[in-house]
Amino acid sequence: MPKKNTDPEVEHLLPLVGGIITQVIVDNSDENDETCYGIVIEKKGTKYECLFMRDPEGNGPGHLYIWKDK
């Protein structure tokens, strides 16, 4: 039996598997004039708005910030 993945970043991304990218997001509302880019993924009637960030705090190597919207 495969071992369950316990990596929190992988667990964070798993709900997106099988979804369809339906839109591109361009957010230039940052007070430091930094534009953020992302995508909208739809899966089984649920929309996930995802922004590509440096990390959860916005200062490191990489993280996908996800908002779930039913």
C-alpha atoms as a PDB file:
ATOM      1  CA  MET A   1       0.000   0.000   0.000  1.00  0.00           C
ATOM      2  CA  PRO A   2       1.440   3.441  -0.920  1.00  0.00           C
ATOM      3  CA  LYS A   3       2.530   5.650   1.928  1.00  0.00           C
ATOM      4  CA  LYS A   4       0.279   8.704   2.492  1.00  0.00           C
ATOM      5  CA  ASN A   5       1.992  11.959   1.602  1.00  0.00           C
ATOM      6  CA  THR A   6       2.280  14.216   4.636  1.00  0.00           C
ATOM      7  CA  ASP A   7       3.997  17.168   2.922  1.00  0.00           C
ATOM      8  CA  PRO A   8       1.739  20.145   3.784  1.00  0.00           C
ATOM      9  CA  GLU A   9       2.437  21.881   0.460  1.00  0.00           C
ATOM     10  CA  VAL A  10       1.335  18.775  -1.471  1.00  0.00           C
ATOM     11  CA  GLU A  11      -1.782  18.402   0.709  1.00  0.00           C
ATOM     12  CA  HIS A  12      -2.557  22.085   0.026  1.00  0.00           C
ATOM     13  CA  LEU A  13      -2.495  21.463  -3.753  1.00  0.00           C
ATOM     14  CA  LEU A  14      -4.357  18.130  -3.918  1.00  0.00           C
ATOM     15  CA  PRO A  15      -7.891  19.652  -4.135  1.00  0.00           C
ATOM     16  CA  LEU A  16      -6.896  21.172  -7.501  1.00  0.00           C
ATOM     17  CA  VAL A  17      -6.122  17.822  -9.157  1.00  0.00           C
ATOM     18  CA  GLY A  18      -8.624  17.129 -11.937  1.00  0.00           C
ATOM     19  CA  GLY A  19      -9.847  20.723 -12.110  1.00  0.00           C
ATOM     20  CA  ILE A  20      -9.942  22.887 -15.230  1.00  0.00           C
ATOM     21  CA  ILE A  21      -8.192  26.246 -15.586  1.00  0.00           C
ATOM     22  CA  THR A  22     -10.925  28.678 -16.661  1.00  0.00           C
ATOM     23  CA  GLN A  23      -9.397  32.132 -16.221  1.00  0.00           C
ATOM     24  CA  VAL A  24      -6.172  34.069 -15.725  1.00  0.00           C
ATOM     25  CA  ILE A  25      -5.949  36.529 -12.816  1.00  0.00           C
ATOM     26  CA  VAL A  26      -3.885  39.742 -12.932  1.00  0.00           C
ATOM     27  CA  ASP A  27      -3.927  41.577  -9.604  1.00  0.00           C
ATOM     28  CA  ASN A  28      -2.133  44.932  -9.541  1.00  0.00           C
ATOM     29  CA  SER A  29      -3.728  46.207  -6.321  1.00  0.00           C
ATOM     30  CA  ASP A  30      -0.515  45.761  -4.299  1.00  0.00           C
ATOM     31  CA  GLU A  31       0.590  48.896  -2.476  1.00  0.00           C
ATOM     32  CA  ASN A  32       4.195  48.287  -3.610  1.00  0.00           C
ATOM     33  CA  ASP A  33       3.221  48.255  -7.298  1.00  0.00           C
ATOM     34  CA  GLU A  34       3.953  44.524  -7.599  1.00  0.00           C
ATOM     35  CA  THR A  35       1.614  42.706  -9.946  1.00  0.00           C
ATOM     36  CA  CYS A  36       0.508  39.203  -8.910  1.00  0.00           C
ATOM     37  CA  TYR A  37      -0.572  36.575 -11.405  1.00  0.00           C
ATOM     38  CA  GLY A  38      -2.773  33.573 -10.944  1.00  0.00           C
ATOM     39  CA  ILE A  39      -5.431  31.291 -12.321  1.00  0.00           C
ATOM     40  CA  VAL A  40      -8.997  30.222 -11.571  1.00  0.00           C
ATOM     41  CA  ILE A  41      -9.499  26.458 -11.402  1.00  0.00           C
ATOM     42  CA  GLU A  42     -13.013  24.988 -11.411  1.00  0.00           C
ATOM     43  CA  LYS A  43     -13.755  21.506 -10.130  1.00  0.00           C
ATOM     44  CA  LYS A  44     -17.189  19.985  -9.506  1.00  0.00           C
ATOM     45  CA  GLY A  45     -18.927  23.365  -9.160  1.00  0.00           C
ATOM     46  CA  THR A  46     -16.271  24.858  -6.868  1.00  0.00           C
ATOM     47  CA  LYS A  47     -13.973  27.697  -7.973  1.00  0.00           C
ATOM     48  CA  TYR A  48     -10.438  28.016  -6.639  1.00  0.00           C
ATOM     49  CA  GLU A  49      -8.731  31.376  -7.142  1.00  0.00           C
ATOM     50  CA  CYS A  50      -4.990  30.736  -7.054  1.00  0.00           C
ATOM     51  CA  LEU A  51      -2.234  33.361  -6.917  1.00  0.00           C
ATOM     52  CA  PHE A  52       1.429  32.537  -7.436  1.00  0.00           C
ATOM     53  CA  MET A  53       3.304  33.870  -4.395  1.00  0.00           C
ATOM     54  CA  ARG A  54       6.840  33.645  -3.065  1.00  0.00           C
ATOM     55  CA  ASP A  55       5.672  31.598  -0.051  1.00  0.00           C
ATOM     56  CA  PRO A  56       2.739  31.692   2.423  1.00  0.00           C
ATOM     57  CA  GLU A  57       4.150  34.921   3.877  1.00  0.00           C
ATOM     58  CA  GLY A  58       5.130  36.342   0.474  1.00  0.00           C
ATOM     59  CA  ASN A  59       8.896  36.397   1.042  1.00  0.00           C
ATOM     60  CA  GLY A  60      10.336  33.007   0.042  1.00  0.00           C
ATOM     61  CA  PRO A  61      10.873  30.577  -2.854  1.00  0.00           C
ATOM     62  CA  GLY A  62       7.338  29.635  -3.954  1.00  0.00           C
ATOM     63  CA  HIS A  63       3.753  28.994  -2.887  1.00  0.00           C
ATOM     64  CA  LEU A  64       0.329  28.812  -4.542  1.00  0.00           C
ATOM     65  CA  TYR A  65      -2.201  30.816  -2.482  1.00  0.00           C
ATOM     66  CA  ILE A  66      -5.689  29.316  -2.905  1.00  0.00           C
ATOM     67  CA  TRP A  67      -9.106  30.861  -2.174  1.00  0.00           C
ATOM     68  CA  LYS A  68     -12.011  28.408  -2.311  1.00  0.00           C
ATOM     69  CA  ASP A  69     -15.291  29.870  -3.567  1.00  0.00           C
ATOM     70  CA  LYS A  70     -18.402  27.680  -3.857  1.00  0.00           C
END
